[in-house]
N, C-alpha and C. Protein backbone atom coordinates (compact mmCIF):
# COMPACT_ATOMS: atom_id res chain seq x y z
N MET A 1 -7.55 3.46 8.10
CA MET A 1 -6.56 2.73 8.41
C MET A 1 -6.26 1.89 7.47
N THR A 2 -4.80 1.40 7.21
CA THR A 2 -4.48 0.62 6.03
C THR A 2 -4.92 -0.83 6.60
N ASP A 3 -5.41 -1.51 5.67
CA ASP A 3 -5.60 -3.01 6.36
C ASP A 3 -4.54 -4.26 6.17
N THR A 4 -3.83 -4.68 7.35
CA THR A 4 -2.49 -4.84 7.64
C THR A 4 -2.84 -6.54 7.72
N ASN A 5 -4.25 -7.13 7.63
CA ASN A 5 -4.54 -8.54 7.89
C ASN A 5 -3.75 -9.33 7.19
N SER A 6 -3.56 -9.48 6.38
CA SER A 6 -2.75 -10.31 5.18
C SER A 6 -1.18 -10.21 5.59
N LEU A 7 -0.74 -9.27 6.34
CA LEU A 7 0.58 -8.83 6.25
C LEU A 7 1.68 -9.59 7.57
N THR A 8 2.83 -10.12 7.30
CA THR A 8 3.84 -10.49 8.43
C THR A 8 3.96 -9.31 9.04
N PRO A 9 3.99 -8.86 10.44
CA PRO A 9 4.60 -7.78 10.92
C PRO A 9 6.05 -8.25 11.31
N VAL A 10 7.12 -7.39 11.10
CA VAL A 10 8.43 -7.41 11.11
C VAL A 10 9.01 -6.54 12.51
N ALA A 11 8.35 -5.24 12.38
CA ALA A 11 8.66 -4.55 13.26
C ALA A 11 8.01 -3.19 13.72
N THR A 12 7.82 -2.75 14.93
CA THR A 12 7.14 -1.62 15.06
C THR A 12 8.03 -0.65 15.85
N PHE A 13 7.68 1.03 15.10
CA PHE A 13 8.90 1.72 15.37
C PHE A 13 8.32 3.03 16.20
N CYS A 14 7.85 2.40 17.38
CA CYS A 14 7.51 3.23 18.58
C CYS A 14 6.90 2.34 19.73
N GLY A 15 6.26 1.86 19.42
CA GLY A 15 5.45 1.02 20.60
C GLY A 15 5.19 1.34 22.04
N LYS A 16 5.59 2.59 21.90
CA LYS A 16 5.18 3.03 23.71
C LYS A 16 3.70 4.04 23.81
N CYS A 17 2.78 3.75 22.63
CA CYS A 17 1.62 4.60 22.91
C CYS A 17 0.61 3.49 21.93
N ASP A 18 -0.56 3.89 21.80
CA ASP A 18 -1.48 3.29 21.37
C ASP A 18 -2.01 4.13 19.75
N CYS A 19 -1.43 5.09 19.39
CA CYS A 19 -1.31 5.62 18.45
C CYS A 19 -1.49 5.76 17.00
N GLY A 20 -1.14 3.84 17.11
CA GLY A 20 -1.28 3.39 15.62
C GLY A 20 -0.01 3.64 14.95
N CYS A 21 1.14 3.38 15.73
CA CYS A 21 3.14 3.47 15.11
C CYS A 21 3.09 2.88 14.00
N PRO A 22 3.87 3.68 13.47
CA PRO A 22 4.82 3.13 12.14
C PRO A 22 5.16 1.49 12.43
N GLN A 23 5.08 0.94 11.48
CA GLN A 23 5.06 -0.99 11.37
C GLN A 23 5.69 -1.07 10.19
N LEU A 24 6.45 -2.34 9.94
CA LEU A 24 7.35 -2.87 8.78
C LEU A 24 6.72 -4.59 8.94
N PHE A 25 5.96 -4.53 7.65
CA PHE A 25 5.80 -5.47 7.23
C PHE A 25 6.03 -6.49 6.47
N ILE A 26 6.29 -7.32 5.79
CA ILE A 26 6.25 -8.65 4.43
C ILE A 26 4.87 -9.06 4.07
N ASP A 27 4.38 -8.64 2.80
CA ASP A 27 3.57 -8.82 2.11
C ASP A 27 4.31 -10.01 1.31
N GLU A 28 3.88 -11.72 1.51
CA GLU A 28 4.40 -12.64 0.88
C GLU A 28 3.51 -12.32 -0.34
N SER A 29 2.04 -11.86 -0.75
CA SER A 29 1.34 -12.42 -1.68
C SER A 29 1.68 -10.95 -2.69
N ALA A 30 2.52 -10.34 -2.32
CA ALA A 30 2.49 -9.25 -3.36
C ALA A 30 3.63 -9.59 -4.21
N PRO A 31 3.39 -8.73 -5.27
CA PRO A 31 4.78 -8.91 -6.30
C PRO A 31 5.91 -8.51 -5.84
N VAL A 32 7.17 -9.03 -6.29
CA VAL A 32 8.10 -9.13 -5.62
C VAL A 32 8.57 -7.18 -5.29
N GLU A 33 8.35 -6.73 -6.10
CA GLU A 33 8.73 -5.18 -5.90
C GLU A 33 7.96 -4.51 -5.12
N ARG A 34 7.05 -5.05 -4.36
CA ARG A 34 6.01 -4.72 -3.51
C ARG A 34 5.86 -5.14 -2.14
N ARG A 35 6.83 -6.21 -2.11
CA ARG A 35 6.73 -7.12 -0.55
C ARG A 35 7.14 -6.26 0.71
N VAL A 36 7.69 -5.03 0.45
CA VAL A 36 8.03 -4.75 2.10
C VAL A 36 6.93 -3.46 2.29
N VAL A 37 6.42 -3.54 3.52
CA VAL A 37 5.53 -2.57 3.11
C VAL A 37 5.72 -1.93 4.70
N ILE A 38 5.69 -0.57 4.81
CA ILE A 38 5.95 -0.05 5.70
C ILE A 38 4.97 0.86 6.03
N THR A 39 4.15 0.84 6.99
CA THR A 39 2.78 1.71 7.61
C THR A 39 3.06 3.01 8.38
N ASP A 40 2.23 4.07 8.32
CA ASP A 40 2.25 5.29 9.39
C ASP A 40 1.27 5.20 9.98
N ASP A 41 1.67 5.93 11.19
CA ASP A 41 0.25 6.64 11.68
C ASP A 41 -1.19 6.98 11.33
N PHE A 42 -0.76 7.76 10.03
CA PHE A 42 -2.11 8.07 9.59
C PHE A 42 -2.77 7.30 8.27
N GLY A 43 -2.57 5.74 8.44
CA GLY A 43 -3.32 5.26 7.62
C GLY A 43 -2.85 5.07 5.85
N GLN A 44 -1.29 5.36 5.87
CA GLN A 44 -0.42 5.02 4.68
C GLN A 44 0.32 4.32 4.57
N ARG A 45 0.52 3.81 3.67
CA ARG A 45 2.02 2.87 3.26
C ARG A 45 2.78 3.17 2.26
N VAL A 46 3.87 2.48 2.29
CA VAL A 46 4.79 2.82 1.25
C VAL A 46 5.10 1.42 1.16
N GLU A 47 5.26 0.90 -0.50
CA GLU A 47 5.60 -0.59 -0.59
C GLU A 47 6.73 -0.41 -1.22
N MET A 48 8.01 -1.49 -1.40
CA MET A 48 9.02 -1.33 -1.99
C MET A 48 9.73 -2.96 -2.09
N SER A 49 10.51 -2.92 -2.84
CA SER A 49 11.20 -4.36 -3.00
C SER A 49 12.18 -4.12 -1.81
N ALA A 50 12.61 -5.97 -1.45
CA ALA A 50 13.64 -6.23 -0.49
C ALA A 50 15.06 -5.48 -0.72
N ASP A 51 15.17 -5.21 -2.15
CA ASP A 51 16.60 -4.78 -2.45
C ASP A 51 16.47 -3.23 -2.33
N GLN A 52 15.09 -2.51 -2.55
CA GLN A 52 15.35 -1.19 -2.42
C GLN A 52 14.96 -0.91 -0.77
N PHE A 53 14.78 -1.61 0.15
CA PHE A 53 14.65 -1.31 1.76
C PHE A 53 16.14 -2.02 2.25
N GLY A 54 16.67 -2.67 1.46
CA GLY A 54 18.19 -2.99 1.62
C GLY A 54 19.03 -1.92 1.71
N SER A 55 18.74 -0.87 0.74
CA SER A 55 19.18 0.25 0.29
C SER A 55 19.27 1.35 1.27
N LEU A 56 17.90 1.31 1.80
CA LEU A 56 17.78 2.69 2.82
C LEU A 56 18.21 1.91 3.89
N ILE A 57 18.27 0.61 4.32
CA ILE A 57 19.08 0.00 5.54
C ILE A 57 20.55 0.57 5.27
N GLU A 58 20.53 0.34 4.63
CA GLU A 58 22.65 0.55 4.23
C GLU A 58 23.07 1.99 4.56
N ASP A 59 22.10 2.97 3.89
CA ASP A 59 22.39 4.43 4.16
C ASP A 59 22.07 5.07 5.64
N ALA A 60 21.27 4.04 6.42
CA ALA A 60 20.62 4.66 7.64
C ALA A 60 22.42 4.19 8.45
N LYS A 61 22.62 3.12 7.95
CA LYS A 61 23.93 2.49 8.75
C LYS A 61 25.15 3.38 8.75
N ALA A 62 25.01 3.69 7.51
CA ALA A 62 26.06 4.71 7.06
C ALA A 62 25.76 6.27 7.54
N GLY A 63 24.80 6.54 8.12
CA GLY A 63 24.81 7.95 8.74
C GLY A 63 24.15 9.12 8.11
N LYS A 64 23.58 8.63 6.46
CA LYS A 64 23.08 9.31 5.82
C LYS A 64 21.59 10.16 6.33
N LEU A 65 20.64 9.22 7.01
CA LEU A 65 19.57 9.44 7.52
C LEU A 65 19.88 9.99 8.85
N ASP A 66 20.39 10.62 9.28
CA ASP A 66 20.80 11.12 10.44
C ASP A 66 20.47 12.32 10.75
N VAL A 67 20.19 13.25 9.59
CA VAL A 67 20.09 14.36 9.50
C VAL A 67 17.90 14.31 10.14
N VAL A 68 17.65 13.14 9.49
CA VAL A 68 15.90 12.90 9.96
C VAL A 68 15.76 12.80 11.18
N ALA A 69 16.92 12.46 11.80
CA ALA A 69 16.40 12.53 13.06
C ALA A 69 16.60 13.22 14.31
N ALA A 70 17.03 14.34 13.34
CA ALA A 70 17.69 15.76 14.02
C ALA A 70 16.31 16.60 13.96
N VAL A 71 15.50 16.28 12.75
CA VAL A 71 14.00 17.51 12.60
C VAL A 71 13.45 17.57 13.78
């Protein structure tokens, strides 16, 4: 599993179980382009900049990611 001890937790995307739910973190010690961290329940992680994450949020708010929820 991904080590998250040095990360600041922001959100958990499930929380209804103990399966190692996907989570959103901030890594203040990482380079700016890798400070936003999303982990999954398989022990993987995605690192991105705050600008990239902001674009993802904008797309989600605009409904561009709704097709993913239907899968």
